[in-house]
Protein backbone atom coordinates (compact mmCIF):
# COMPACT_ATOMS: atom_id res chain seq x y z
CA UNK A 1 6.54 15.66 3.74
CA UNK A 2 5.54 17.54 0.60
CA UNK A 3 3.57 20.82 0.98
CA UNK A 4 -0.19 20.35 0.88
CA UNK A 5 -1.82 20.50 -2.55
CA UNK A 6 -4.78 22.68 -2.72
CA UNK A 7 -8.00 21.31 -4.24
CA UNK A 8 -8.50 23.30 -7.32
CA UNK A 9 -10.91 21.55 -9.68
CA UNK A 10 -14.53 20.51 -9.43
CA UNK A 11 -13.38 16.87 -9.90
CA UNK A 12 -11.05 17.16 -6.87
CA UNK A 13 -13.74 18.76 -4.74
CA UNK A 14 -16.02 15.95 -5.63
CA UNK A 15 -13.29 13.47 -4.51
CA UNK A 16 -13.11 15.34 -1.19
CA UNK A 17 -16.84 14.97 -0.70
CA UNK A 18 -16.64 11.30 -1.64
CA UNK A 19 -13.83 10.72 0.91
CA UNK A 20 -15.76 12.43 3.65
CA UNK A 21 -18.81 10.37 2.88
CA UNK A 22 -16.83 7.04 3.00
CA UNK A 23 -15.28 8.12 6.32
CA UNK A 24 -18.53 9.25 7.87
CA UNK A 25 -20.54 6.24 6.87
CA UNK A 26 -17.87 3.72 7.86
CA UNK A 27 -17.56 2.37 4.30
CA UNK A 28 -13.93 3.53 4.19
CA UNK A 29 -13.01 1.26 7.06
CA UNK A 30 -14.95 -1.60 5.62
CA UNK A 31 -13.29 -1.32 2.23
CA UNK A 32 -9.89 -1.13 3.92
CA UNK A 33 -10.48 -4.09 6.11
CA UNK A 34 -11.95 -6.18 3.25
CA UNK A 35 -8.83 -5.43 1.13
CA UNK A 36 -6.71 -6.72 4.04
CA UNK A 37 -4.86 -3.34 4.52
CA UNK A 38 -3.63 -2.08 7.81
CA UNK A 39 -3.97 1.62 8.88
CA UNK A 40 -0.26 1.92 8.48
CA UNK A 41 -0.36 0.73 4.86
CA UNK A 42 -3.11 3.17 3.94
CA UNK A 43 -1.34 6.00 5.86
CA UNK A 44 1.92 5.45 3.94
CA UNK A 45 0.13 5.86 0.62
CA UNK A 46 -1.73 8.93 1.85
CA UNK A 47 1.43 10.44 3.50
CA UNK A 48 -0.11 10.79 6.92
CA UNK A 49 -0.03 8.95 10.13
CA UNK A 50 -2.06 5.77 11.04
CA UNK A 51 -3.84 7.82 13.73
CA UNK A 52 -5.01 10.27 11.14
CA UNK A 53 -6.70 7.50 9.11
CA UNK A 54 -8.08 6.07 12.41
CA UNK A 55 -9.59 9.44 13.26
CA UNK A 56 -11.30 9.48 9.89
CA UNK A 57 -12.64 5.98 10.41
CA UNK A 58 -13.95 6.97 13.90
CA UNK A 59 -15.55 10.16 12.53
CA UNK A 60 -13.33 12.12 14.89
CA UNK A 61 -11.95 14.07 11.92
CA UNK A 62 -12.61 14.38 8.22
CA UNK A 63 -10.24 14.05 5.34
CA UNK A 64 -9.41 17.18 3.54
CA UNK A 65 -7.27 18.61 0.71
CA UNK A 66 -4.87 16.41 -1.21
CA UNK A 67 -5.16 13.47 1.24
CA UNK A 68 -8.98 13.33 0.85
CA UNK A 69 -8.50 13.23 -2.94
CA UNK A 70 -5.99 10.35 -2.69
CA UNK A 71 -8.12 8.50 -0.08
CA UNK A 72 -11.12 8.63 -2.29
CA UNK A 73 -9.00 7.32 -5.22
CA UNK A 74 -7.53 4.59 -3.17
CA UNK A 75 -10.94 3.40 -1.98
CA UNK A 76 -12.30 3.50 -5.53
CA UNK A 77 -9.41 1.38 -6.68
CA UNK A 78 -9.89 -1.09 -3.89
CA UNK A 79 -13.49 -1.34 -4.82
CA UNK A 80 -12.66 -1.91 -8.41
CA UNK A 81 -10.10 -4.59 -7.53
CA UNK A 82 -12.67 -6.36 -5.37
CA UNK A 83 -15.39 -6.28 -8.02
CA UNK A 84 -13.26 -7.00 -11.00
């Protein structure tokens, strides 16, 4: 597993906030399920375990660092793909 990438820019910090909002509101799970993706598929892209993504979706933990940035980017792409 690569070393964690620190969030360094305002844009990355905004992505972290976006990822946490999606996780806390349940929209992350909804977007994932509507795209037909499993927890395992999302976890592989984010370089984490399926149980980590599940904890985010259950509001038992919050995404952070580079994984939060990638999670927000993934959800944005999935939304774009669904709408476009």
